[in-house]
Amino acid sequence: MIADGSPRTPTSGRLTREALVARARAQGALRDGVTETDVAPIAAMIDAVMALPGERPSDLWRRHLAIILDGLRAQPRQTPLPSPGSVG
């Protein structure tokens, strides 16, 4: 379910990611080259860290989220992102 009570669908998820990326880009907060298709895998990575067994998984996901957010943030002199289709 989405916050307004409507069911989550692939289309609603994509539209939400597009809106998030558009808003961040409009504010100058998102580095060049990041698209809505990058957001779902990033969320899945954080989910995977949160699911790790151990005594302090909450600290670990917060650490990884901070690293990821710093990588997404627009900053001067960033390395250009590889194309989404490149491998290795």
PDB file of N, CA and C in Angstrom:
ATOM      1  N   MET A   1       0.827  -1.193   0.000  1.00  0.00           N
ATOM      2  CA  MET A   1       0.000   0.000   0.000  1.00  0.00           C
ATOM      3  C   MET A   1       0.871   1.257   0.000  1.00  0.00           C
ATOM      4  N   ILE A   2       0.396   2.243  -0.669  1.00  0.00           N
ATOM      5  CA  ILE A   2       1.043   3.548  -0.689  1.00  0.00           C
ATOM      6  C   ILE A   2       0.410   4.387   0.414  1.00  0.00           C
ATOM      7  N   ALA A   3       1.063   5.463   0.823  1.00  0.00           N
ATOM      8  CA  ALA A   3       0.592   6.274   1.957  1.00  0.00           C
ATOM      9  C   ALA A   3      -0.860   6.714   1.817  1.00  0.00           C
ATOM     10  N   ASP A   4      -1.331   6.945   0.590  1.00  0.00           N
ATOM     11  CA  ASP A   4      -2.724   7.390   0.421  1.00  0.00           C
ATOM     12  C   ASP A   4      -3.715   6.231   0.423  1.00  0.00           C
ATOM     13  N   GLY A   5      -3.238   4.990   0.652  1.00  0.00           N
ATOM     14  CA  GLY A   5      -4.116   3.832   0.721  1.00  0.00           C
ATOM     15  C   GLY A   5      -4.295   3.096  -0.587  1.00  0.00           C
ATOM     16  N   SER A   6      -3.792   3.646  -1.681  1.00  0.00           N
ATOM     17  CA  SER A   6      -3.931   2.964  -2.968  1.00  0.00           C
ATOM     18  C   SER A   6      -2.903   1.838  -3.069  1.00  0.00           C
ATOM     19  N   PRO A   7      -3.215   0.798  -3.837  1.00  0.00           N
ATOM     20  CA  PRO A   7      -2.286  -0.325  -3.940  1.00  0.00           C
ATOM     21  C   PRO A   7      -1.020   0.069  -4.695  1.00  0.00           C
ATOM     22  N   ARG A   8       0.079  -0.557  -4.313  1.00  0.00           N
ATOM     23  CA  ARG A   8       1.352  -0.324  -4.986  1.00  0.00           C
ATOM     24  C   ARG A   8       1.381  -1.158  -6.265  1.00  0.00           C
ATOM     25  N   THR A   9       1.747  -0.539  -7.353  1.00  0.00           N
ATOM     26  CA  THR A   9       1.882  -1.226  -8.635  1.00  0.00           C
ATOM     27  C   THR A   9       3.234  -0.863  -9.223  1.00  0.00           C
ATOM     28  N   PRO A  10       3.725  -1.634 -10.199  1.00  0.00           N
ATOM     29  CA  PRO A  10       4.990  -1.247 -10.841  1.00  0.00           C
ATOM     30  C   PRO A  10       4.941   0.173 -11.406  1.00  0.00           C
ATOM     31  N   THR A  11       3.803   0.551 -11.962  1.00  0.00           N
ATOM     32  CA  THR A  11       3.678   1.897 -12.527  1.00  0.00           C
ATOM     33  C   THR A  11       3.716   2.955 -11.435  1.00  0.00           C
ATOM     34  N   SER A  12       3.022   2.720 -10.318  1.00  0.00           N
ATOM     35  CA  SER A  12       3.025   3.719  -9.241  1.00  0.00           C
ATOM     36  C   SER A  12       4.421   3.865  -8.648  1.00  0.00           C
ATOM     37  N   GLY A  13       5.142   2.759  -8.524  1.00  0.00           N
ATOM     38  CA  GLY A  13       6.514   2.821  -8.019  1.00  0.00           C
ATOM     39  C   GLY A  13       7.418   3.611  -8.945  1.00  0.00           C
ATOM     40  N   ARG A  14       7.287   3.383 -10.241  1.00  0.00           N
ATOM     41  CA  ARG A  14       8.099   4.101 -11.228  1.00  0.00           C
ATOM     42  C   ARG A  14       7.778   5.584 -11.189  1.00  0.00           C
ATOM     43  N   LEU A  15       6.483   5.913 -11.121  1.00  0.00           N
ATOM     44  CA  LEU A  15       6.084   7.323 -11.078  1.00  0.00           C
ATOM     45  C   LEU A  15       6.594   8.011  -9.811  1.00  0.00           C
ATOM     46  N   THR A  16       6.580   7.298  -8.697  1.00  0.00           N
ATOM     47  CA  THR A  16       7.103   7.847  -7.450  1.00  0.00           C
ATOM     48  C   THR A  16       8.599   8.106  -7.574  1.00  0.00           C
ATOM     49  N   ARG A  17       9.334   7.136  -8.139  1.00  0.00           N
ATOM     50  CA  ARG A  17      10.779   7.320  -8.333  1.00  0.00           C
ATOM     51  C   ARG A  17      11.061   8.473  -9.287  1.00  0.00           C
ATOM     52  N   GLU A  18      10.279   8.582 -10.368  1.00  0.00           N
ATOM     53  CA  GLU A  18      10.465   9.688 -11.314  1.00  0.00           C
ATOM     54  C   GLU A  18      10.256  11.035 -10.625  1.00  0.00           C
ATOM     55  N   ALA A  19       9.223  11.128  -9.794  1.00  0.00           N
ATOM     56  CA  ALA A  19       8.942  12.378  -9.079  1.00  0.00           C
ATOM     57  C   ALA A  19      10.070  12.710  -8.099  1.00  0.00           C
ATOM     58  N   LEU A  20      10.572  11.705  -7.398  1.00  0.00           N
ATOM     59  CA  LEU A  20      11.668  11.899  -6.451  1.00  0.00           C
ATOM     60  C   LEU A  20      12.914  12.416  -7.165  1.00  0.00           C
ATOM     61  N   VAL A  21      13.264  11.774  -8.269  1.00  0.00           N
ATOM     62  CA  VAL A  21      14.443  12.177  -9.040  1.00  0.00           C
ATOM     63  C   VAL A  21      14.248  13.576  -9.620  1.00  0.00           C
ATOM     64  N   ALA A  22      13.071  13.856 -10.155  1.00  0.00           N
ATOM     65  CA  ALA A  22      12.804  15.178 -10.739  1.00  0.00           C
ATOM     66  C   ALA A  22      12.913  16.273  -9.680  1.00  0.00           C
ATOM     67  N   ARG A  23      12.382  16.015  -8.494  1.00  0.00           N
ATOM     68  CA  ARG A  23      12.437  17.015  -7.422  1.00  0.00           C
ATOM     69  C   ARG A  23      13.882  17.248  -6.971  1.00  0.00           C
ATOM     70  N   ALA A  24      14.638  16.168  -6.800  1.00  0.00           N
ATOM     71  CA  ALA A  24      16.039  16.309  -6.387  1.00  0.00           C
ATOM     72  C   ALA A  24      16.855  17.027  -7.456  1.00  0.00           C
ATOM     73  N   ARG A  25      16.598  16.702  -8.712  1.00  0.00           N
ATOM     74  CA  ARG A  25      17.311  17.356  -9.814  1.00  0.00           C
ATOM     75  C   ARG A  25      16.963  18.849  -9.867  1.00  0.00           C
ATOM     76  N   ALA A  26      15.689  19.192  -9.708  1.00  0.00           N
ATOM     77  CA  ALA A  26      15.250  20.593  -9.746  1.00  0.00           C
ATOM     78  C   ALA A  26      15.887  21.407  -8.619  1.00  0.00           C
ATOM     79  N   GLN A  27      16.158  20.762  -7.499  1.00  0.00           N
ATOM     80  CA  GLN A  27      16.784  21.446  -6.362  1.00  0.00           C
ATOM     81  C   GLN A  27      18.303  21.492  -6.482  1.00  0.00           C
ATOM     82  N   GLY A  28      18.835  20.858  -7.536  1.00  0.00           N
ATOM     83  CA  GLY A  28      20.285  20.829  -7.714  1.00  0.00           C
ATOM     84  C   GLY A  28      20.981  19.888  -6.752  1.00  0.00           C
ATOM     85  N   ALA A  29      20.232  18.959  -6.158  1.00  0.00           N
ATOM     86  CA  ALA A  29      20.780  18.068  -5.142  1.00  0.00           C
ATOM     87  C   ALA A  29      21.255  16.730  -5.694  1.00  0.00           C
ATOM     88  N   LEU A  30      20.912  16.411  -6.930  1.00  0.00           N
ATOM     89  CA  LEU A  30      21.205  15.092  -7.492  1.00  0.00           C
ATOM     90  C   LEU A  30      22.292  15.198  -8.548  1.00  0.00           C
ATOM     91  N   ARG A  31      23.267  14.323  -8.461  1.00  0.00           N
ATOM     92  CA  ARG A  31      24.367  14.349  -9.424  1.00  0.00           C
ATOM     93  C   ARG A  31      23.868  14.041 -10.822  1.00  0.00           C
ATOM     94  N   ASP A  32      24.584  14.524 -11.818  1.00  0.00           N
ATOM     95  CA  ASP A  32      24.237  14.260 -13.210  1.00  0.00           C
ATOM     96  C   ASP A  32      24.295  12.768 -13.496  1.00  0.00           C
ATOM     97  N   GLY A  33      23.378  12.302 -14.305  1.00  0.00           N
ATOM     98  CA  GLY A  33      23.387  10.920 -14.759  1.00  0.00           C
ATOM     99  C   GLY A  33      22.531   9.964 -13.959  1.00  0.00           C
ATOM    100  N   VAL A  34      22.113  10.343 -12.758  1.00  0.00           N
ATOM    101  CA  VAL A  34      21.262   9.466 -11.948  1.00  0.00           C
ATOM    102  C   VAL A  34      19.839   9.560 -12.483  1.00  0.00           C
ATOM    103  N   THR A  35      19.205   8.400 -12.677  1.00  0.00           N
ATOM    104  CA  THR A  35      17.840   8.350 -13.195  1.00  0.00           C
ATOM    105  C   THR A  35      16.953   7.562 -12.242  1.00  0.00           C
ATOM    106  N   GLU A  36      15.662   7.548 -12.538  1.00  0.00           N
ATOM    107  CA  GLU A  36      14.724   6.798 -11.689  1.00  0.00           C
ATOM    108  C   GLU A  36      15.034   5.316 -11.697  1.00  0.00           C
ATOM    109  N   THR A  37      15.644   4.806 -12.756  1.00  0.00           N
ATOM    110  CA  THR A  37      15.966   3.375 -12.793  1.00  0.00           C
ATOM    111  C   THR A  37      17.095   3.021 -11.836  1.00  0.00           C
ATOM    112  N   ASP A  38      17.829   4.002 -11.337  1.00  0.00           N
ATOM    113  CA  ASP A  38      18.880   3.755 -10.349  1.00  0.00           C
ATOM    114  C   ASP A  38      18.317   3.624  -8.935  1.00  0.00           C
ATOM    115  N   VAL A  39      17.147   4.186  -8.690  1.00  0.00           N
ATOM    116  CA  VAL A  39      16.614   4.288  -7.333  1.00  0.00           C
ATOM    117  C   VAL A  39      16.162   2.934  -6.771  1.00  0.00           C
ATOM    118  N   ALA A  40      15.457   2.131  -7.538  1.00  0.00           N
ATOM    119  CA  ALA A  40      14.954   0.842  -7.026  1.00  0.00           C
ATOM    120  C   ALA A  40      16.093  -0.096  -6.622  1.00  0.00           C
ATOM    121  N   PRO A  41      17.142  -0.272  -7.440  1.00  0.00           N
ATOM    122  CA  PRO A  41      18.240  -1.138  -7.000  1.00  0.00           C
ATOM    123  C   PRO A  41      18.952  -0.610  -5.752  1.00  0.00           C
ATOM    124  N   ILE A  42      19.049   0.709  -5.630  1.00  0.00           N
ATOM    125  CA  ILE A  42      19.678   1.284  -4.439  1.00  0.00           C
ATOM    126  C   ILE A  42      18.845   0.947  -3.202  1.00  0.00           C
ATOM    127  N   ALA A  43      17.535   1.070  -3.303  1.00  0.00           N
ATOM    128  CA  ALA A  43      16.658   0.709  -2.184  1.00  0.00           C
ATOM    129  C   ALA A  43      16.792  -0.777  -1.849  1.00  0.00           C
ATOM    130  N   ALA A  44      16.922  -1.616  -2.864  1.00  0.00           N
ATOM    131  CA  ALA A  44      17.091  -3.055  -2.635  1.00  0.00           C
ATOM    132  C   ALA A  44      18.410  -3.341  -1.915  1.00  0.00           C
ATOM    133  N   MET A  45      19.457  -2.589  -2.246  1.00  0.00           N
ATOM    134  CA  MET A  45      20.742  -2.782  -1.564  1.00  0.00           C
ATOM    135  C   MET A  45      20.623  -2.448  -0.081  1.00  0.00           C
ATOM    136  N   ILE A  46      19.956  -1.351   0.233  1.00  0.00           N
ATOM    137  CA  ILE A  46      19.775  -0.976   1.637  1.00  0.00           C
ATOM    138  C   ILE A  46      18.914  -2.011   2.350  1.00  0.00           C
ATOM    139  N   ASP A  47      17.872  -2.500   1.679  1.00  0.00           N
ATOM    140  CA  ASP A  47      17.030  -3.568   2.234  1.00  0.00           C
ATOM    141  C   ASP A  47      17.860  -4.794   2.581  1.00  0.00           C
ATOM    142  N   ALA A  48      18.775  -5.167   1.685  1.00  0.00           N
ATOM    143  CA  ALA A  48      19.611  -6.348   1.910  1.00  0.00           C
ATOM    144  C   ALA A  48      20.499  -6.158   3.137  1.00  0.00           C
ATOM    145  N   VAL A  49      21.047  -4.979   3.317  1.00  0.00           N
ATOM    146  CA  VAL A  49      21.882  -4.709   4.488  1.00  0.00           C
ATOM    147  C   VAL A  49      21.043  -4.770   5.758  1.00  0.00           C
ATOM    148  N   MET A  50      19.821  -4.242   5.701  1.00  0.00           N
ATOM    149  CA  MET A  50      18.948  -4.265   6.876  1.00  0.00           C
ATOM    150  C   MET A  50      18.589  -5.690   7.277  1.00  0.00           C
ATOM    151  N   ALA A  51      18.589  -6.614   6.318  1.00  0.00           N
ATOM    152  CA  ALA A  51      18.210  -7.996   6.594  1.00  0.00           C
ATOM    153  C   ALA A  51      19.379  -8.840   7.106  1.00  0.00           C
ATOM    154  N   LEU A  52      20.593  -8.289   7.133  1.00  0.00           N
ATOM    155  CA  LEU A  52      21.747  -9.056   7.600  1.00  0.00           C
ATOM    156  C   LEU A  52      21.591  -9.404   9.076  1.00  0.00           C
ATOM    157  N   PRO A  53      21.966 -10.643   9.446  1.00  0.00           N
ATOM    158  CA  PRO A  53      21.918 -10.999  10.861  1.00  0.00           C
ATOM    159  C   PRO A  53      23.069 -10.313  11.599  1.00  0.00           C
ATOM    160  N   GLY A  54      22.908 -10.143  12.863  1.00  0.00           N
ATOM    161  CA  GLY A  54      23.981  -9.552  13.656  1.00  0.00           C
ATOM    162  C   GLY A  54      23.435  -8.661  14.740  1.00  0.00           C
ATOM    163  N   GLU A  55      24.346  -8.205  15.569  1.00  0.00           N
ATOM    164  CA  GLU A  55      23.942  -7.418  16.729  1.00  0.00           C
ATOM    165  C   GLU A  55      23.568  -5.985  16.385  1.00  0.00           C
ATOM    166  N   ARG A  56      24.178  -5.406  15.337  1.00  0.00           N
ATOM    167  CA  ARG A  56      23.981  -3.990  15.075  1.00  0.00           C
ATOM    168  C   ARG A  56      23.615  -3.708  13.621  1.00  0.00           C
ATOM    169  N   PRO A  57      22.660  -4.427  13.056  1.00  0.00           N
ATOM    170  CA  PRO A  57      22.345  -4.170  11.648  1.00  0.00           C
ATOM    171  C   PRO A  57      21.806  -2.768  11.402  1.00  0.00           C
ATOM    172  N   SER A  58      21.146  -2.161  12.401  1.00  0.00           N
ATOM    173  CA  SER A  58      20.597  -0.819  12.171  1.00  0.00           C
ATOM    174  C   SER A  58      21.715   0.189  11.949  1.00  0.00           C
ATOM    175  N   ASP A  59      22.816   0.052  12.651  1.00  0.00           N
ATOM    176  CA  ASP A  59      23.946   0.952  12.442  1.00  0.00           C
ATOM    177  C   ASP A  59      24.558   0.742  11.064  1.00  0.00           C
ATOM    178  N   LEU A  60      24.625  -0.492  10.627  1.00  0.00           N
ATOM    179  CA  LEU A  60      25.240  -0.799   9.343  1.00  0.00           C
ATOM    180  C   LEU A  60      24.436  -0.212   8.192  1.00  0.00           C
ATOM    181  N   TRP A  61      23.100  -0.359   8.205  1.00  0.00           N
ATOM    182  CA  TRP A  61      22.325   0.182   7.087  1.00  0.00           C
ATOM    183  C   TRP A  61      22.398   1.697   7.066  1.00  0.00           C
ATOM    184  N   ARG A  62      22.436   2.319   8.239  1.00  0.00           N
ATOM    185  CA  ARG A  62      22.547   3.785   8.278  1.00  0.00           C
ATOM    186  C   ARG A  62      23.883   4.243   7.691  1.00  0.00           C
ATOM    187  N   ARG A  63      24.932   3.519   7.997  1.00  0.00           N
ATOM    188  CA  ARG A  63      26.255   3.834   7.451  1.00  0.00           C
ATOM    189  C   ARG A  63      26.241   3.709   5.934  1.00  0.00           C
ATOM    190  N   HIS A  64      25.707   2.595   5.429  1.00  0.00           N
ATOM    191  CA  HIS A  64      25.668   2.379   3.978  1.00  0.00           C
ATOM    192  C   HIS A  64      24.765   3.390   3.286  1.00  0.00           C
ATOM    193  N   LEU A  65      23.661   3.751   3.921  1.00  0.00           N
ATOM    194  CA  LEU A  65      22.783   4.766   3.347  1.00  0.00           C
ATOM    195  C   LEU A  65      23.514   6.106   3.231  1.00  0.00           C
ATOM    196  N   ALA A  66      24.276   6.483   4.246  1.00  0.00           N
ATOM    197  CA  ALA A  66      25.035   7.739   4.198  1.00  0.00           C
ATOM    198  C   ALA A  66      26.051   7.717   3.059  1.00  0.00           C
ATOM    199  N   ILE A  67      26.724   6.586   2.869  1.00  0.00           N
ATOM    200  CA  ILE A  67      27.689   6.457   1.773  1.00  0.00           C
ATOM    201  C   ILE A  67      26.985   6.607   0.432  1.00  0.00           C
ATOM    202  N   ILE A  68      25.847   5.939   0.279  1.00  0.00           N
ATOM    203  CA  ILE A  68      25.097   5.999  -0.983  1.00  0.00           C
ATOM    204  C   ILE A  68      24.581   7.411  -1.236  1.00  0.00           C
ATOM    205  N   LEU A  69      24.012   8.041  -0.217  1.00  0.00           N
ATOM    206  CA  LEU A  69      23.486   9.396  -0.405  1.00  0.00           C
ATOM    207  C   LEU A  69      24.594  10.376  -0.779  1.00  0.00           C
ATOM    208  N   ASP A  70      25.768  10.228  -0.180  1.00  0.00           N
ATOM    209  CA  ASP A  70      26.889  11.089  -0.565  1.00  0.00           C
ATOM    210  C   ASP A  70      27.266  10.870  -2.023  1.00  0.00           C
ATOM    211  N   GLY A  71      27.170   9.642  -2.494  1.00  0.00           N
ATOM    212  CA  GLY A  71      27.471   9.351  -3.896  1.00  0.00           C
ATOM    213  C   GLY A  71      26.431   9.894  -4.862  1.00  0.00           C
ATOM    214  N   LEU A  72      25.200  10.047  -4.402  1.00  0.00           N
ATOM    215  CA  LEU A  72      24.123  10.577  -5.245  1.00  0.00           C
ATOM    216  C   LEU A  72      24.095  12.102  -5.265  1.00  0.00           C
ATOM    217  N   ARG A  73      24.675  12.717  -4.255  1.00  0.00           N
ATOM    218  CA  ARG A  73      24.613  14.171  -4.101  1.00  0.00           C
ATOM    219  C   ARG A  73      25.453  14.871  -5.164  1.00  0.00           C
ATOM    220  N   ALA A  74      24.903  15.937  -5.723  1.00  0.00           N
ATOM    221  CA  ALA A  74      25.630  16.751  -6.702  1.00  0.00           C
ATOM    222  C   ALA A  74      26.793  17.445  -6.004  1.00  0.00           C
ATOM    223  N   GLN A  75      27.987  17.275  -6.568  1.00  0.00           N
ATOM    224  CA  GLN A  75      29.187  17.896  -6.029  1.00  0.00           C
ATOM    225  C   GLN A  75      30.096  18.279  -7.189  1.00  0.00           C
ATOM    226  N   PRO A  76      30.955  19.268  -6.993  1.00  0.00           N
ATOM    227  CA  PRO A  76      31.883  19.617  -8.068  1.00  0.00           C
ATOM    228  C   PRO A  76      32.894  18.485  -8.291  1.00  0.00           C
ATOM    229  N   ARG A  77      33.362  18.366  -9.497  1.00  0.00           N
ATOM    230  CA  ARG A  77      34.435  17.426  -9.872  1.00  0.00           C
ATOM    231  C   ARG A  77      34.111  15.966  -9.556  1.00  0.00           C
ATOM    232  N   GLN A  78      32.922  15.511  -9.907  1.00  0.00           N
ATOM    233  CA  GLN A  78      32.587  14.101  -9.716  1.00  0.00           C
ATOM    234  C   GLN A  78      33.004  13.305 -10.939  1.00  0.00           C
ATOM    235  N   THR A  79      33.368  12.064 -10.711  1.00  0.00           N
ATOM    236  CA  THR A  79      33.654  11.151 -11.807  1.00  0.00           C
ATOM    237  C   THR A  79      32.362  10.890 -12.556  1.00  0.00           C
ATOM    238  N   PRO A  80      32.364  10.997 -13.891  1.00  0.00           N
ATOM    239  CA  PRO A  80      31.139  10.695 -14.643  1.00  0.00           C
ATOM    240  C   PRO A  80      30.691   9.253 -14.391  1.00  0.00           C
ATOM    241  N   LEU A  81      29.394   9.061 -14.345  1.00  0.00           N
ATOM    242  CA  LEU A  81      28.849   7.716 -14.147  1.00  0.00           C
ATOM    243  C   LEU A  81      29.000   6.896 -15.426  1.00  0.00           C
ATOM    244  N   PRO A  82      29.282   5.588 -15.302  1.00  0.00           N
ATOM    245  CA  PRO A  82      29.258   4.728 -16.488  1.00  0.00           C
ATOM    246  C   PRO A  82      27.833   4.660 -17.026  1.00  0.00           C
ATOM    247  N   SER A  83      27.688   4.305 -18.280  1.00  0.00           N
ATOM    248  CA  SER A  83      26.338   4.177 -18.829  1.00  0.00           C
ATOM    249  C   SER A  83      25.627   3.035 -18.117  1.00  0.00           C
ATOM    250  N   PRO A  84      24.297   3.098 -18.004  1.00  0.00           N
ATOM    251  CA  PRO A  84      23.553   2.057 -17.290  1.00  0.00           C
ATOM    252  C   PRO A  84      23.742   0.663 -17.875  1.00  0.00           C
ATOM    253  N   GLY A  85      24.086   0.571 -19.157  1.00  0.00           N
ATOM    254  CA  GLY A  85      24.224  -0.736 -19.782  1.00  0.00           C
ATOM    255  C   GLY A  85      25.616  -1.322 -19.710  1.00  0.00           C
ATOM    256  N   SER A  86      26.585  -0.576 -19.144  1.00  0.00           N
ATOM    257  CA  SER A  86      27.954  -1.092 -19.124  1.00  0.00           C
ATOM    258  C   SER A  86      28.113  -2.147 -18.040  1.00  0.00           C
ATOM    259  N   VAL A  87      28.993  -3.085 -18.286  1.00  0.00           N
ATOM    260  CA  VAL A  87      29.237  -4.184 -17.353  1.00  0.00           C
ATOM    261  C   VAL A  87      30.713  -4.196 -16.999  1.00  0.00           C
ATOM    262  N   GLY A  88      30.992  -4.477 -15.700  1.00  0.00           N
ATOM    263  CA  GLY A  88      32.366  -4.666 -15.260  1.00  0.00           C
ATOM    264  C   GLY A  88      33.093  -3.429 -15.170  1.00  0.00           C
TER     265      GLY A  88
END
